[in-house]
């Protein structure tokens, strides 16, 4: 029996699920910060006199730092202690949230927001690694189902919570409540984490040495890949930023070359490339990256359309997505319980429902009277959310099913990195399409609402196309799995 299995044997079900509850609560808190702060940008602009580029850095800095921390934090958690890295990340997240809340200037807020992103990126791989460490078989599917439900709820309710806090605190300083909220919740989570997270051994990597050069090269590649996308606003951006992608190609090549030689010397690299030989892992990463290029971009366009096009307040605009959160939670919970029996076909079904739901969302936004539009869009979100619940959690379970526990942190961080990169690229393209059409229509003779209808229709067509691509990838993986199953049955016979 392996060390990890011995640890699992010593933990009773109650202990494991209580530790899991702490992990999920903290993950939900960090994901919530990805969406709720967007609602507070006008308040920040009014309070601190921020420019549009400064506001962009508040959003982009968090996303960039989050993505940059994922892989090295996952690797450190695998080598040292996931519990320790989780606690360190939680302390840093709570402390940086406090600094954000009391920031006297926009410059201080930008720096502390970047620190907050690093802290969030440090925690998330430990959550995935701990779930892999604590659960096996069908229990793991149930755990990822609940994890996906909480993440779906956090993503969809972020704008609503943010809008409510802005309404309570006022336009001038309500944004500070967005960060103050994290402080008591972070302290409470820290107390429970210290008490409940397992202290026992985890599956350990054979090589205890940390590949510092590999981490630096990978970090440089991530920065140069994400930077031009996270700095895209769709409002007169300079094309010079795309030259960063040349740097990405250079740093990626150097990283691959270094990792190959590092492994030839008998050492353990940052990323174990043999993981990508597993079709389940490779295909799962592709599906989630494409899917997350579509979903956050769609939510952003819904927020822009409802607030700028229809003139709804941030609170009411955020409430339109509540049905997505509700049905996504149900779908994630049910999907986690049946994924072991249904397999990849469940993800195919979920993606099909998501495509239908977001096509209905586009029709509801563009074909209904303005007084009816928010209600019609909420109805479409009921359908899309149910499908989304059958995608994220089951895909996560299937993607990591064959990953050894001692590599689960870095494997999970690569999956999270795919989500962050996909989000950056999808949001950049969708925002450019959306604002490009709005600006073009502003110089013409068409009506204002018509311009937003055209912008939302074009942007959603792009995101639905990405959802369709994710569906094609899922169908391809389903075919591969069924052929492999048939070959196994033939060999056994």
Protein backbone atom coordinates (compact mmCIF):
# COMPACT_ATOMS: atom_id res chain seq x y z
CA UNK A 1 0.00 0.00 0.00
CA UNK A 2 1.34 3.45 -0.94
CA UNK A 3 1.92 6.23 1.57
CA UNK A 4 -1.04 8.16 0.20
CA UNK A 5 -3.31 5.13 0.52
CA UNK A 6 -2.17 4.59 4.11
CA UNK A 7 -3.03 8.21 4.86
CA UNK A 8 -6.47 7.76 3.30
CA UNK A 9 -7.05 4.64 5.39
CA UNK A 10 -6.40 6.61 8.60
CA UNK A 11 -8.94 9.29 7.68
CA UNK A 12 -12.58 8.49 8.33
CA UNK A 13 -15.30 9.79 6.02
CA UNK A 14 -16.31 12.61 8.34
CA UNK A 15 -12.75 13.94 8.55
CA UNK A 16 -12.26 13.81 4.79
CA UNK A 17 -15.50 15.61 3.99
CA UNK A 18 -14.88 18.30 6.58
CA UNK A 19 -11.44 18.93 5.10
CA UNK A 20 -13.03 19.00 1.66
CA UNK A 21 -15.58 21.59 2.83
CA UNK A 22 -12.74 23.91 3.87
CA UNK A 23 -11.04 23.50 0.49
CA UNK A 24 -14.20 24.19 -1.49
CA UNK A 25 -15.12 27.23 0.61
CA UNK A 26 -11.72 28.83 0.01
CA UNK A 27 -11.77 27.99 -3.70
CA UNK A 28 -15.21 29.60 -3.99
CA UNK A 29 -13.92 32.72 -2.22
CA UNK A 30 -11.04 33.14 -4.69
CA UNK A 31 -13.20 32.47 -7.77
CA UNK A 32 -15.77 34.94 -6.45
CA UNK A 33 -13.09 37.63 -6.60
CA UNK A 34 -12.69 37.04 -10.34
CA UNK A 35 -16.23 38.23 -11.07
CA UNK A 36 -17.49 40.42 -8.24
CA UNK A 37 -14.76 43.07 -8.47
CA UNK A 38 -15.68 43.87 -12.10
CA UNK A 39 -18.94 45.37 -10.83
CA UNK A 40 -17.03 47.73 -8.54
CA UNK A 41 -14.84 49.32 -11.23
CA UNK A 42 -17.07 52.42 -11.70
CA UNK A 43 -17.04 52.92 -7.91
CA UNK A 44 -13.24 52.61 -7.84
CA UNK A 45 -12.97 55.08 -10.70
CA UNK A 46 -15.10 57.63 -8.82
CA UNK A 47 -13.42 57.11 -5.44
CA UNK A 48 -9.74 57.06 -6.46
CA UNK A 49 -9.87 58.98 -9.74
CA UNK A 50 -8.62 55.97 -11.65
CA UNK A 51 -7.96 56.02 -15.39
CA UNK A 52 -9.29 53.34 -17.72
CA UNK A 53 -5.83 51.77 -17.96
CA UNK A 54 -5.60 51.59 -14.16
CA UNK A 55 -8.98 49.90 -13.96
CA UNK A 56 -7.82 47.42 -16.58
CA UNK A 57 -4.74 46.61 -14.48
CA UNK A 58 -6.94 45.84 -11.47
CA UNK A 59 -8.70 43.13 -13.48
CA UNK A 60 -5.74 42.00 -15.60
CA UNK A 61 -3.23 42.03 -12.75
CA UNK A 62 -5.29 39.60 -10.69
CA UNK A 63 -5.84 37.23 -13.64
CA UNK A 64 -2.18 37.35 -14.70
CA UNK A 65 -0.80 36.78 -11.20
CA UNK A 66 -3.34 33.99 -10.63
CA UNK A 67 -2.19 32.15 -13.75
CA UNK A 68 1.49 32.77 -13.05
CA UNK A 69 1.37 31.22 -9.56
CA UNK A 70 -0.53 28.05 -10.48
CA UNK A 71 2.14 25.69 -11.78
CA UNK A 72 5.01 26.52 -9.36
CA UNK A 73 2.56 26.43 -6.43
CA UNK A 74 1.20 23.09 -7.59
CA UNK A 75 4.71 21.70 -7.92
CA UNK A 76 5.71 22.98 -4.48
CA UNK A 77 2.58 21.46 -2.97
CA UNK A 78 3.40 18.09 -4.53
CA UNK A 79 7.00 18.21 -3.27
CA UNK A 80 6.52 19.69 0.19
CA UNK A 81 3.08 19.96 1.75
CA UNK A 82 -0.26 20.86 0.18
CA UNK A 83 -1.61 21.73 3.60
CA UNK A 84 1.22 24.19 4.25
CA UNK A 85 0.90 25.84 0.83
CA UNK A 86 -2.87 26.07 1.26
CA UNK A 87 -2.50 27.85 4.62
CA UNK A 88 0.23 30.17 3.30
CA UNK A 89 -1.93 31.08 0.31
CA UNK A 90 -4.98 31.68 2.51
CA UNK A 91 -3.05 33.95 4.88
CA UNK A 92 -1.67 35.90 1.93
CA UNK A 93 -5.11 36.17 0.30
CA UNK A 94 -6.72 37.46 3.49
CA UNK A 95 -3.91 39.92 4.16
CA UNK A 96 -3.85 41.26 0.60
CA UNK A 97 -7.66 41.62 0.67
CA UNK A 98 -7.28 43.80 3.78
CA UNK A 99 -4.67 45.92 2.02
CA UNK A 100 -6.97 46.28 -1.00
CA UNK A 101 -9.82 47.40 1.25
CA UNK A 102 -7.80 50.21 2.84
CA UNK A 103 -5.81 51.21 -0.26
CA UNK A 104 -5.45 55.03 -0.25
CA UNK A 105 -4.50 55.38 -3.92
CA UNK A 106 -5.10 53.54 -7.18
CA UNK A 107 -1.39 52.61 -7.39
CA UNK A 108 -1.53 50.86 -4.01
CA UNK A 109 -4.73 49.07 -5.02
CA UNK A 110 -3.13 47.75 -8.22
CA UNK A 111 -0.13 46.35 -6.35
CA UNK A 112 -2.22 44.73 -3.60
CA UNK A 113 -4.63 43.33 -6.17
CA UNK A 114 -1.70 41.62 -7.94
CA UNK A 115 -0.58 40.18 -4.58
CA UNK A 116 -4.11 38.91 -4.08
CA UNK A 117 -3.94 37.14 -7.46
CA UNK A 118 -0.67 35.42 -6.52
CA UNK A 119 -2.23 34.25 -3.26
CA UNK A 120 -5.31 32.86 -5.04
CA UNK A 121 -3.10 31.06 -7.56
CA UNK A 122 -1.13 29.53 -4.69
CA UNK A 123 -4.24 28.07 -3.05
CA UNK A 124 -6.09 26.63 -6.03
CA UNK A 125 -3.65 23.80 -6.99
CA UNK A 126 -3.65 22.63 -3.37
CA UNK A 127 -7.43 22.29 -3.47
CA UNK A 128 -7.27 20.02 -6.53
CA UNK A 129 -4.34 18.06 -5.07
CA UNK A 130 -6.08 17.56 -1.73
CA UNK A 131 -9.25 16.28 -3.43
CA UNK A 132 -7.12 13.79 -5.37
CA UNK A 133 -5.33 12.82 -2.14
CA UNK A 134 -8.44 12.42 0.01
CA UNK A 135 -10.81 10.57 -2.32
CA UNK A 136 -10.82 7.59 -4.64
CA UNK A 137 -13.26 6.14 -7.18
CA UNK A 138 -16.88 7.24 -7.04
CA UNK A 139 -16.18 9.37 -3.95
CA UNK A 140 -13.82 11.50 -6.00
CA UNK A 141 -16.53 12.05 -8.60
CA UNK A 142 -18.95 13.15 -5.88
CA UNK A 143 -16.31 15.50 -4.45
CA UNK A 144 -15.59 17.11 -7.80
CA UNK A 145 -19.33 17.37 -8.38
CA UNK A 146 -19.76 19.40 -5.20
CA UNK A 147 -16.63 21.38 -6.03
CA UNK A 148 -18.01 22.26 -9.45
CA UNK A 149 -21.36 23.23 -7.95
CA UNK A 150 -19.72 25.70 -5.59
CA UNK A 151 -17.48 27.14 -8.31
CA UNK A 152 -20.47 27.54 -10.64
CA UNK A 153 -22.46 29.30 -7.93
CA UNK A 154 -19.52 31.58 -7.12
CA UNK A 155 -18.94 32.52 -10.75
CA UNK A 156 -22.59 33.28 -11.46
CA UNK A 157 -23.37 35.03 -8.16
CA UNK A 158 -20.25 37.20 -8.18
CA UNK A 159 -21.88 40.13 -10.04
CA UNK A 160 -24.99 39.94 -7.83
CA UNK A 161 -22.98 39.96 -4.60
CA UNK A 162 -20.78 42.74 -5.92
CA UNK A 163 -23.78 44.81 -6.94
CA UNK A 164 -25.40 44.32 -3.54
CA UNK A 165 -22.27 45.43 -1.67
CA UNK A 166 -21.97 48.50 -3.90
CA UNK A 167 -25.59 49.35 -3.13
CA UNK A 168 -24.93 49.01 0.63
CA UNK A 169 -21.67 50.97 0.67
CA UNK A 170 -22.61 53.61 -1.88
CA UNK A 171 -21.07 54.53 -5.22
CA UNK A 172 -18.15 56.41 -3.66
CA UNK A 173 -16.74 53.74 -1.33
CA UNK A 174 -18.89 50.63 -1.80
CA UNK A 175 -16.02 48.96 -3.67
CA UNK A 176 -14.08 48.63 -0.40
CA UNK A 177 -16.74 46.23 0.90
CA UNK A 178 -15.85 43.87 -1.96
CA UNK A 179 -12.47 43.34 -0.30
CA UNK A 180 -13.53 43.73 3.34
CA UNK A 181 -15.86 40.77 2.75
CA UNK A 182 -12.84 38.48 2.28
CA UNK A 183 -11.23 39.35 5.62
CA UNK A 184 -13.60 37.76 8.18
CA UNK A 185 -14.35 34.89 5.79
CA UNK A 186 -10.62 34.30 5.25
CA UNK A 187 -9.89 34.33 9.00
CA UNK A 188 -12.70 31.85 9.67
CA UNK A 189 -11.47 29.60 6.86
CA UNK A 190 -7.92 29.78 8.26
CA UNK A 191 -9.08 28.54 11.66
CA UNK A 192 -10.89 25.59 10.10
CA UNK A 193 -7.99 24.85 7.72
CA UNK A 194 -5.49 24.59 10.59
CA UNK A 195 -7.84 22.29 12.50
CA UNK A 196 -9.21 20.09 9.70
CA UNK A 197 -6.76 19.72 6.82
CA UNK A 198 -4.85 16.40 6.97
CA UNK A 199 -1.36 16.56 8.44
CA UNK A 200 -0.36 13.09 7.32
CA UNK A 201 1.94 12.15 4.46
CA UNK A 202 0.88 12.59 0.88
CA UNK A 203 2.04 10.82 -2.25
CA UNK A 204 5.53 12.25 -2.63
CA UNK A 205 7.58 12.78 -5.76
CA UNK A 206 10.77 10.77 -5.99
CA UNK A 207 12.92 13.83 -6.70
CA UNK A 208 12.71 16.45 -3.95
CA UNK A 209 14.64 19.11 -5.89
CA UNK A 210 12.73 22.12 -7.23
CA UNK A 211 13.52 23.09 -10.82
CA UNK A 212 13.99 26.86 -10.35
CA UNK A 213 15.18 27.54 -13.92
CA UNK A 214 12.23 25.64 -15.36
CA UNK A 215 9.80 27.59 -13.15
CA UNK A 216 11.28 30.93 -14.25
CA UNK A 217 11.16 30.01 -17.94
CA UNK A 218 7.58 28.76 -17.65
CA UNK A 219 6.61 31.92 -15.76
CA UNK A 220 8.07 34.08 -18.51
CA UNK A 221 6.18 32.07 -21.13
CA UNK A 222 2.90 32.46 -19.22
CA UNK A 223 3.37 36.22 -18.80
CA UNK A 224 4.18 36.82 -22.46
CA UNK A 225 1.25 34.65 -23.55
CA UNK A 226 -1.41 36.16 -21.30
CA UNK A 227 -0.28 39.80 -21.21
CA UNK A 228 -1.49 40.91 -24.68
CA UNK A 229 -4.89 39.32 -24.05
CA UNK A 230 -5.50 40.58 -20.52
CA UNK A 231 -4.59 44.11 -21.68
CA UNK A 232 -7.15 44.00 -24.48
CA UNK A 233 -10.15 46.23 -23.75
CA UNK A 234 -11.66 46.65 -27.22
CA UNK A 235 -11.34 50.43 -26.92
CA UNK A 236 -8.53 51.67 -29.14
CA UNK A 237 -5.86 49.20 -27.98
CA UNK A 238 -2.38 49.47 -29.50
CA UNK A 239 -1.37 46.60 -31.77
CA UNK A 240 2.16 46.71 -30.33
CA UNK A 241 1.05 44.49 -27.44
CA UNK A 242 0.85 41.46 -29.76
CA UNK A 243 4.67 41.46 -30.07
CA UNK A 244 4.66 39.89 -26.59
CA UNK A 245 3.63 36.66 -28.35
CA UNK A 246 7.07 36.53 -29.98
CA UNK A 247 8.52 36.42 -26.48
CA UNK A 248 6.09 33.62 -25.64
CA UNK A 249 7.40 31.51 -28.53
CA UNK A 250 11.00 32.10 -27.44
CA UNK A 251 10.44 31.34 -23.74
CA UNK A 252 8.29 28.29 -24.51
CA UNK A 253 11.03 26.87 -26.74
CA UNK A 254 13.66 27.50 -24.05
CA UNK A 255 11.41 25.92 -21.42
CA UNK A 256 10.86 22.75 -23.45
CA UNK A 257 14.58 22.48 -24.23
CA UNK A 258 15.57 22.98 -20.59
CA UNK A 259 12.99 20.51 -19.28
CA UNK A 260 14.17 17.83 -21.73
CA UNK A 261 17.82 18.21 -20.67
CA UNK A 262 16.85 18.45 -17.00
CA UNK A 263 15.04 15.13 -17.24
CA UNK A 264 17.95 13.53 -19.11
CA UNK A 265 20.10 14.35 -16.08
CA UNK A 266 17.80 12.14 -13.99
CA UNK A 267 15.93 14.96 -12.28
CA UNK A 268 12.22 15.68 -11.98
CA UNK A 269 11.05 18.61 -14.17
CA UNK A 270 8.35 21.17 -13.37
CA UNK A 271 5.87 19.55 -15.75
CA UNK A 272 5.90 15.81 -16.32
CA UNK A 273 5.28 15.70 -20.05
CA UNK A 274 4.45 12.01 -19.91
CA UNK A 275 1.11 13.10 -18.45
CA UNK A 276 0.20 14.45 -21.88
CA UNK A 277 0.55 10.94 -23.31
CA UNK A 278 -2.64 10.12 -21.41
CA UNK A 279 -5.44 10.91 -23.84
CA UNK A 280 -7.86 11.39 -20.94
CA UNK A 281 -5.68 14.17 -19.51
CA UNK A 282 -4.71 15.74 -22.83
CA UNK A 283 -8.25 15.84 -24.20
CA UNK A 284 -9.71 17.02 -20.91
CA UNK A 285 -7.32 19.98 -20.82
CA UNK A 286 -8.28 20.96 -24.38
CA UNK A 287 -12.00 20.79 -23.62
CA UNK A 288 -11.79 22.90 -20.46
CA UNK A 289 -9.53 25.53 -22.07
CA UNK A 290 -11.91 26.05 -24.99
CA UNK A 291 -14.97 25.96 -22.74
CA UNK A 292 -13.54 28.61 -20.42
CA UNK A 293 -12.66 30.77 -23.41
CA UNK A 294 -16.42 30.95 -24.00
CA UNK A 295 -18.22 31.03 -20.62
CA UNK A 296 -16.58 33.98 -18.77
CA UNK A 297 -16.62 36.04 -21.97
CA UNK A 298 -20.35 35.33 -22.31
CA UNK A 299 -21.00 36.47 -18.73
CA UNK A 300 -19.02 39.65 -19.32
CA UNK A 301 -21.04 40.48 -22.43
CA UNK A 302 -24.29 39.83 -20.56
CA UNK A 303 -23.19 42.30 -17.87
CA UNK A 304 -22.20 44.93 -20.46
CA UNK A 305 -25.42 44.48 -22.42
CA UNK A 306 -27.71 44.69 -19.39
CA UNK A 307 -25.95 47.64 -17.75
CA UNK A 308 -24.88 49.72 -20.75
CA UNK A 309 -27.49 48.63 -23.28
CA UNK A 310 -30.61 48.29 -21.12
CA UNK A 311 -29.49 50.60 -18.31
CA UNK A 312 -30.01 48.13 -15.44
CA UNK A 313 -28.25 48.68 -12.11
CA UNK A 314 -25.29 46.38 -11.26
CA UNK A 315 -27.42 44.56 -8.67
CA UNK A 316 -30.29 43.73 -11.01
CA UNK A 317 -27.98 42.97 -13.92
CA UNK A 318 -26.18 40.46 -11.71
CA UNK A 319 -29.41 38.83 -10.61
CA UNK A 320 -30.19 37.76 -14.19
CA UNK A 321 -27.48 35.09 -13.92
CA UNK A 322 -28.84 33.57 -10.69
CA UNK A 323 -30.77 30.83 -12.56
CA UNK A 324 -27.50 29.74 -14.16
CA UNK A 325 -25.96 29.35 -10.69
CA UNK A 326 -28.93 27.35 -9.41
CA UNK A 327 -29.18 24.84 -12.25
CA UNK A 328 -25.39 24.62 -12.58
CA UNK A 329 -25.18 23.59 -8.92
CA UNK A 330 -27.80 20.90 -9.48
CA UNK A 331 -26.10 19.66 -12.63
CA UNK A 332 -22.68 19.54 -10.96
CA UNK A 333 -23.99 17.59 -7.99
CA UNK A 334 -25.86 15.06 -10.12
CA UNK A 335 -23.02 14.85 -12.64
CA UNK A 336 -20.49 14.09 -9.92
CA UNK A 337 -22.58 11.12 -8.75
CA UNK A 338 -23.09 9.54 -12.18
CA UNK A 339 -19.89 10.40 -14.07
CA UNK A 340 -18.26 7.08 -13.18
CA UNK A 341 -21.15 5.23 -14.86
CA UNK A 342 -21.82 7.53 -17.82
CA UNK A 343 -18.28 8.77 -18.54
CA UNK A 344 -17.46 11.24 -21.33
CA UNK A 345 -20.98 10.94 -22.79
CA UNK A 346 -22.16 13.05 -19.86
CA UNK A 347 -19.86 15.91 -20.89
CA UNK A 348 -21.05 15.61 -24.51
CA UNK A 349 -24.65 15.88 -23.34
CA UNK A 350 -23.82 18.83 -21.10
CA UNK A 351 -22.05 20.76 -23.86
CA UNK A 352 -24.99 20.15 -26.21
CA UNK A 353 -27.36 21.65 -23.62
CA UNK A 354 -24.98 24.60 -23.06
CA UNK A 355 -24.98 25.40 -26.78
CA UNK A 356 -28.79 25.33 -26.85
CA UNK A 357 -28.99 27.48 -23.71
CA UNK A 358 -26.70 30.22 -25.02
CA UNK A 359 -28.39 30.28 -28.43
CA UNK A 360 -31.64 30.86 -26.52
CA UNK A 361 -29.84 33.56 -24.50
CA UNK A 362 -28.84 35.37 -27.69
CA UNK A 363 -32.39 35.19 -29.06
CA UNK A 364 -33.84 36.38 -25.75
CA UNK A 365 -31.48 39.38 -25.67
CA UNK A 366 -32.04 40.49 -29.24
CA UNK A 367 -35.66 39.61 -30.11
CA UNK A 368 -37.68 40.45 -27.00
CA UNK A 369 -38.98 43.87 -25.82
CA UNK A 370 -36.62 45.60 -23.33
CA UNK A 371 -39.09 45.18 -20.47
CA UNK A 372 -39.14 41.42 -21.03
CA UNK A 373 -35.50 40.88 -22.01
CA UNK A 374 -33.98 40.34 -18.50
CA UNK A 375 -36.65 37.77 -17.65
CA UNK A 376 -36.23 35.96 -20.96
CA UNK A 377 -32.46 35.88 -20.52
CA UNK A 378 -32.88 34.49 -17.01
CA UNK A 379 -35.01 31.70 -18.47
CA UNK A 380 -32.33 30.88 -21.03
CA UNK A 381 -29.77 30.77 -18.22
CA UNK A 382 -31.79 28.00 -16.58
CA UNK A 383 -31.04 25.79 -19.58
CA UNK A 384 -27.40 26.86 -20.00
CA UNK A 385 -26.63 26.40 -16.31
CA UNK A 386 -27.94 22.84 -16.24
CA UNK A 387 -25.71 21.93 -19.16
CA UNK A 388 -22.73 23.71 -17.59
CA UNK A 389 -23.12 21.64 -14.44
CA UNK A 390 -22.69 18.47 -16.54
CA UNK A 391 -19.48 19.84 -18.10
CA UNK A 392 -17.00 21.26 -15.56
CA UNK A 393 -17.12 18.77 -12.69
CA UNK A 394 -17.43 15.57 -14.77
CA UNK A 395 -14.68 16.79 -17.09
CA UNK A 396 -12.42 17.47 -14.12
CA UNK A 397 -13.03 13.97 -12.74
CA UNK A 398 -12.34 12.33 -16.12
CA UNK A 399 -9.28 14.47 -16.82
CA UNK A 400 -7.54 13.63 -13.55
CA UNK A 401 -8.74 10.02 -13.23
CA UNK A 402 -5.43 8.47 -14.34
CA UNK A 403 -3.11 11.01 -12.70
CA UNK A 404 -0.89 9.67 -9.86
CA UNK A 405 -1.60 11.34 -6.51
CA UNK A 406 2.01 12.52 -6.19
CA UNK A 407 1.57 14.58 -9.37
CA UNK A 408 -2.01 15.72 -8.80
CA UNK A 409 -1.09 19.25 -7.68
CA UNK A 410 0.83 20.20 -10.79
CA UNK A 411 -1.63 18.29 -13.01
CA UNK A 412 -4.52 20.21 -11.49
CA UNK A 413 -2.63 23.49 -11.81
CA UNK A 414 -2.12 22.87 -15.54
CA UNK A 415 -5.87 22.40 -15.84
CA UNK A 416 -6.48 25.65 -13.96
CA UNK A 417 -3.87 27.39 -16.13
CA UNK A 418 -5.74 26.22 -19.23
CA UNK A 419 -8.88 27.82 -17.80
CA UNK A 420 -7.11 31.13 -17.09
CA UNK A 421 -5.44 31.29 -20.53
CA UNK A 422 -8.70 30.34 -22.24
CA UNK A 423 -10.54 33.01 -20.26
CA UNK A 424 -7.98 35.68 -21.20
CA UNK A 425 -8.10 34.85 -24.91
CA UNK A 426 -11.89 34.45 -25.13
CA UNK A 427 -12.60 37.62 -23.16
CA UNK A 428 -10.15 39.65 -25.26
CA UNK A 429 -11.71 38.59 -28.56
CA UNK A 430 -15.33 38.88 -27.36
CA UNK A 431 -14.71 42.32 -25.82
CA UNK A 432 -13.07 43.56 -29.01
CA UNK A 433 -15.98 42.34 -31.12
CA UNK A 434 -18.56 43.78 -28.72
CA UNK A 435 -17.04 47.24 -28.33
CA UNK A 436 -15.96 47.40 -31.97
CA UNK A 437 -19.58 47.13 -33.09
CA UNK A 438 -20.84 49.55 -30.42
CA UNK A 439 -18.26 52.18 -31.37
CA UNK A 440 -18.94 51.72 -35.07
CA UNK A 441 -22.67 52.12 -34.56
CA UNK A 442 -22.16 55.23 -32.42
CA UNK A 443 -20.76 57.06 -35.46
CA UNK A 444 -23.68 55.96 -37.65
CA UNK A 445 -27.37 56.72 -37.65
CA UNK A 446 -28.69 53.55 -35.96
CA UNK A 447 -30.34 53.48 -32.55
CA UNK A 448 -28.33 52.91 -29.37
CA UNK A 449 -30.16 49.72 -28.36
CA UNK A 450 -29.86 48.36 -31.90
CA UNK A 451 -26.09 48.77 -31.63
CA UNK A 452 -26.00 46.76 -28.41
CA UNK A 453 -28.24 44.11 -29.98
CA UNK A 454 -25.80 43.73 -32.87
CA UNK A 455 -22.81 43.70 -30.53
CA UNK A 456 -24.31 41.05 -28.26
CA UNK A 457 -25.41 38.93 -31.23
CA UNK A 458 -21.95 38.98 -32.81
CA UNK A 459 -20.08 38.41 -29.56
CA UNK A 460 -22.33 35.54 -28.53
CA UNK A 461 -22.00 33.96 -31.96
CA UNK A 462 -18.25 33.84 -31.31
CA UNK A 463 -18.61 32.30 -27.84
CA UNK A 464 -21.21 29.76 -28.98
CA UNK A 465 -18.79 28.74 -31.74
CA UNK A 466 -16.21 28.03 -29.03
CA UNK A 467 -18.76 25.96 -27.13
CA UNK A 468 -19.37 24.02 -30.35
CA UNK A 469 -15.62 23.41 -30.68
CA UNK A 470 -15.52 22.09 -27.12
CA UNK A 471 -18.38 19.77 -28.05
CA UNK A 472 -16.44 18.47 -31.06
CA UNK A 473 -13.40 17.80 -28.84
CA UNK A 474 -15.60 15.97 -26.30
CA UNK A 475 -17.14 13.80 -29.03
CA UNK A 476 -13.63 12.99 -30.29
CA UNK A 477 -12.53 11.95 -26.80
CA UNK A 478 -15.68 9.83 -26.43
CA UNK A 479 -14.83 8.00 -29.67
CA UNK A 480 -11.25 7.41 -28.51
CA UNK A 481 -12.43 6.03 -25.16
CA UNK A 482 -14.95 3.67 -26.74
CA UNK A 483 -12.40 2.34 -29.22
CA UNK A 484 -9.94 1.73 -26.38
CA UNK A 485 -12.66 -0.08 -24.41
CA UNK A 486 -13.45 -2.29 -27.40
CA UNK A 487 -9.76 -3.14 -27.87
CA UNK A 488 -9.51 -4.07 -24.19
CA UNK A 489 -12.56 -6.31 -24.43
CA UNK A 490 -11.15 -7.98 -27.57
CA UNK A 491 -7.79 -8.56 -25.89
CA UNK A 492 -9.48 -10.01 -22.82
CA UNK A 493 -11.58 -12.32 -24.96
